C-alpha atoms as a PDB file:
ATOM      1  CA  MET A   1       0.000   0.000   0.000  1.00  0.00           C
ATOM      2  CA  ALA A   2       1.577   3.261  -1.126  1.00  0.00           C
ATOM      3  CA  THR A   3       1.136   6.536   0.723  1.00  0.00           C
ATOM      4  CA  ARG A   4      -0.141   9.663  -0.973  1.00  0.00           C
ATOM      5  CA  ARG A   5       2.570  11.759  -2.552  1.00  0.00           C
ATOM      6  CA  TYR A   6       0.563  14.988  -2.617  1.00  0.00           C
ATOM      7  CA  GLY A   7      -1.731  16.181   0.180  1.00  0.00           C
ATOM      8  CA  ARG A   8      -5.279  17.434  -0.286  1.00  0.00           C
ATOM      9  CA  ALA A   9      -4.263  21.062   0.300  1.00  0.00           C
ATOM     10  CA  SER A  10      -1.795  20.914  -2.595  1.00  0.00           C
ATOM     11  CA  GLY A  11      -4.540  19.607  -4.885  1.00  0.00           C
ATOM     12  CA  ASN A  12      -6.728  22.537  -3.922  1.00  0.00           C
ATOM     13  CA  LYS A  13      -3.952  25.040  -4.714  1.00  0.00           C
ATOM     14  CA  VAL A  14      -3.387  23.457  -8.144  1.00  0.00           C
ATOM     15  CA  ARG A  15      -7.134  23.446  -8.828  1.00  0.00           C
ATOM     16  CA  ARG A  16      -7.349  27.162  -7.988  1.00  0.00           C
ATOM     17  CA  ALA A  17      -4.353  27.973 -10.194  1.00  0.00           C
ATOM     18  CA  MET A  18      -5.847  26.041 -13.138  1.00  0.00           C
ATOM     19  CA  HIS A  19      -9.180  27.817 -12.658  1.00  0.00           C
ATOM     20  CA  GLU A  20      -7.482  31.227 -12.697  1.00  0.00           C
ATOM     21  CA  MET A  21      -5.433  30.274 -15.754  1.00  0.00           C
ATOM     22  CA  LYS A  22      -8.553  29.249 -17.674  1.00  0.00           C
ATOM     23  CA  ARG A  23     -10.208  32.567 -16.772  1.00  0.00           C
ATOM     24  CA  GLY A  24      -7.061  34.452 -17.876  1.00  0.00           C
ATOM     25  CA  LYS A  25      -6.335  35.805 -14.403  1.00  0.00           C
ATOM     26  CA  LEU A  26      -3.238  33.792 -13.413  1.00  0.00           C
ATOM     27  CA  LYS A  27       0.014  35.762 -13.611  1.00  0.00           C
ATOM     28  CA  SER A  28       3.590  34.561 -13.303  1.00  0.00           C
ATOM     29  CA  GLY A  29       5.864  35.868 -10.561  1.00  0.00           C
ATOM     30  CA  ARG A  30       8.271  38.662 -11.413  1.00  0.00           C
ATOM     31  CA  SER A  31       7.256  39.496 -14.956  1.00  0.00           C
ATOM     32  CA  GLY A  32       3.536  39.527 -14.159  1.00  0.00           C
ATOM     33  CA  ARG A  33       2.652  38.060 -17.562  1.00  0.00           C
ATOM     34  CA  ARG A  34      -0.509  36.042 -18.039  1.00  0.00           C
ATOM     35  CA  VAL A  35       0.113  32.301 -17.787  1.00  0.00           C
ATOM     36  CA  LYS A  36      -1.124  30.311 -20.788  1.00  0.00           C
ATOM     37  CA  SER A  37       0.407  26.866 -20.377  1.00  0.00           C
ATOM     38  CA  ARG A  38      -1.148  24.105 -18.295  1.00  0.00           C
ATOM     39  CA  LYS A  39       2.232  22.929 -16.981  1.00  0.00           C
ATOM     40  CA  GLN A  40       3.110  26.393 -15.759  1.00  0.00           C
ATOM     41  CA  ALA A  41      -0.224  26.721 -13.931  1.00  0.00           C
ATOM     42  CA  ILE A  42       0.383  23.399 -12.155  1.00  0.00           C
ATOM     43  CA  ALA A  43       3.910  24.474 -11.201  1.00  0.00           C
ATOM     44  CA  ILE A  44       2.614  27.742  -9.731  1.00  0.00           C
ATOM     45  CA  GLY A  45      -0.046  25.885  -7.716  1.00  0.00           C
ATOM     46  CA  LEU A  46       2.511  23.432  -6.333  1.00  0.00           C
ATOM     47  CA  SER A  47       4.989  26.135  -5.391  1.00  0.00           C
ATOM     48  CA  GLU A  48       2.237  28.021  -3.539  1.00  0.00           C
ATOM     49  CA  ALA A  49       1.342  24.796  -1.726  1.00  0.00           C
ATOM     50  CA  ARG A  50       4.998  24.290  -0.738  1.00  0.00           C
ATOM     51  CA  ARG A  51       5.150  27.807   0.695  1.00  0.00           C
ATOM     52  CA  ALA A  52       1.950  27.167   2.649  1.00  0.00           C
ATOM     53  CA  GLY A  53       3.500  24.004   4.150  1.00  0.00           C
ATOM     54  CA  ALA A  54       1.297  21.456   2.362  1.00  0.00           C
ATOM     55  CA  LYS A  55       2.483  17.912   1.668  1.00  0.00           C
ATOM     56  CA  VAL A  56       4.294  18.202  -1.656  1.00  0.00           C
ATOM     57  CA  PRO A  57       7.502  16.429  -2.777  1.00  0.00           C
ATOM     58  CA  ALA A  58      10.578  18.613  -3.168  1.00  0.00           C
ATOM     59  CA  ARG A  59      11.294  20.167  -6.561  1.00  0.00           C
ATOM     60  CA  LYS A  60      13.497  18.222  -8.954  1.00  0.00           C
ATOM     61  CA  LYS A  61      16.939  19.822  -8.967  1.00  0.00           C
ATOM     62  CA  SER A  62      18.299  20.833 -12.353  1.00  0.00           C
ATOM     63  CA  HIS A  63      22.034  20.343 -12.815  1.00  0.00           C
END
């Protein structure tokens, strides 16, 4: 039996980010541009969940 990788709170953050992206209201961090890609919306939701202390695996490190 495997444990859950992502907590419920992180799912809620991603859902909210996707909803905002579909409505054209989600903006990226420093530049403030509108987010259009699905992957970017998910990444923003997960990073917000991490900051809030939700159960989310650590980011993959790029070399």
